[in-house]
């Protein structure tokens, strides 16, 4: 599923946000289009905008 994804969103709040950032860096280095979302309000907003293959 990850290989076929158009975009990858990685969610993390508080201390999990640091893990999300690290995973985002690693995914980017592997060539994936990814973004970490660590703001609680932005997690809700981004979740409502997800499309197929995200």
Protein backbone atom coordinates (compact mmCIF):
# COMPACT_ATOMS: atom_id res chain seq x y z
CA UNK A 1 0.00 0.00 0.00
CA UNK A 2 2.82 2.41 0.81
CA UNK A 3 4.48 1.85 -2.56
CA UNK A 4 1.22 2.66 -4.36
CA UNK A 5 0.32 5.68 -2.22
CA UNK A 6 0.13 9.09 -3.87
CA UNK A 7 0.84 10.91 -0.58
CA UNK A 8 1.63 9.63 2.90
CA UNK A 9 0.46 11.55 5.95
CA UNK A 10 2.09 10.71 9.27
CA UNK A 11 0.19 11.85 12.35
CA UNK A 12 1.69 12.35 15.79
CA UNK A 13 0.70 14.46 18.80
CA UNK A 14 3.08 15.62 21.55
CA UNK A 15 5.95 13.16 22.00
CA UNK A 16 4.66 11.07 19.10
CA UNK A 17 5.18 14.15 16.95
CA UNK A 18 8.95 13.64 17.21
CA UNK A 19 8.54 10.09 15.96
CA UNK A 20 6.32 11.34 13.13
CA UNK A 21 8.96 13.88 12.10
CA UNK A 22 11.69 11.25 12.08
CA UNK A 23 9.55 8.86 10.03
CA UNK A 24 8.74 11.66 7.59
CA UNK A 25 12.45 12.38 7.07
CA UNK A 26 13.15 8.70 6.49
CA UNK A 27 10.24 8.29 4.05
CA UNK A 28 11.35 11.39 2.13
CA UNK A 29 14.88 10.02 1.82
CA UNK A 30 13.41 6.81 0.40
CA UNK A 31 11.62 8.83 -2.29
CA UNK A 32 8.08 8.90 -0.91
CA UNK A 33 5.94 12.03 -0.85
CA UNK A 34 5.16 12.32 2.84
CA UNK A 35 4.18 14.93 5.37
CA UNK A 36 4.08 14.83 9.15
CA UNK A 37 1.11 16.40 10.90
CA UNK A 38 1.82 17.22 14.55
CA UNK A 39 -0.69 19.99 15.28
CA UNK A 40 -3.92 18.63 16.85
CA UNK A 41 -6.16 20.98 14.87
CA UNK A 42 -4.36 20.29 11.61
CA UNK A 43 -4.80 16.54 12.09
CA UNK A 44 -8.56 16.98 11.89
CA UNK A 45 -8.37 19.32 8.91
CA UNK A 46 -5.99 17.12 6.92
CA UNK A 47 -8.00 13.98 7.72
CA UNK A 48 -11.10 15.46 6.13
CA UNK A 49 -9.17 16.24 2.93
CA UNK A 50 -7.78 12.73 2.37
CA UNK A 51 -8.34 11.22 -1.06
CA UNK A 52 -8.11 7.72 -2.42
CA UNK A 53 -4.49 6.45 -2.43
CA UNK A 54 -3.46 8.86 0.40
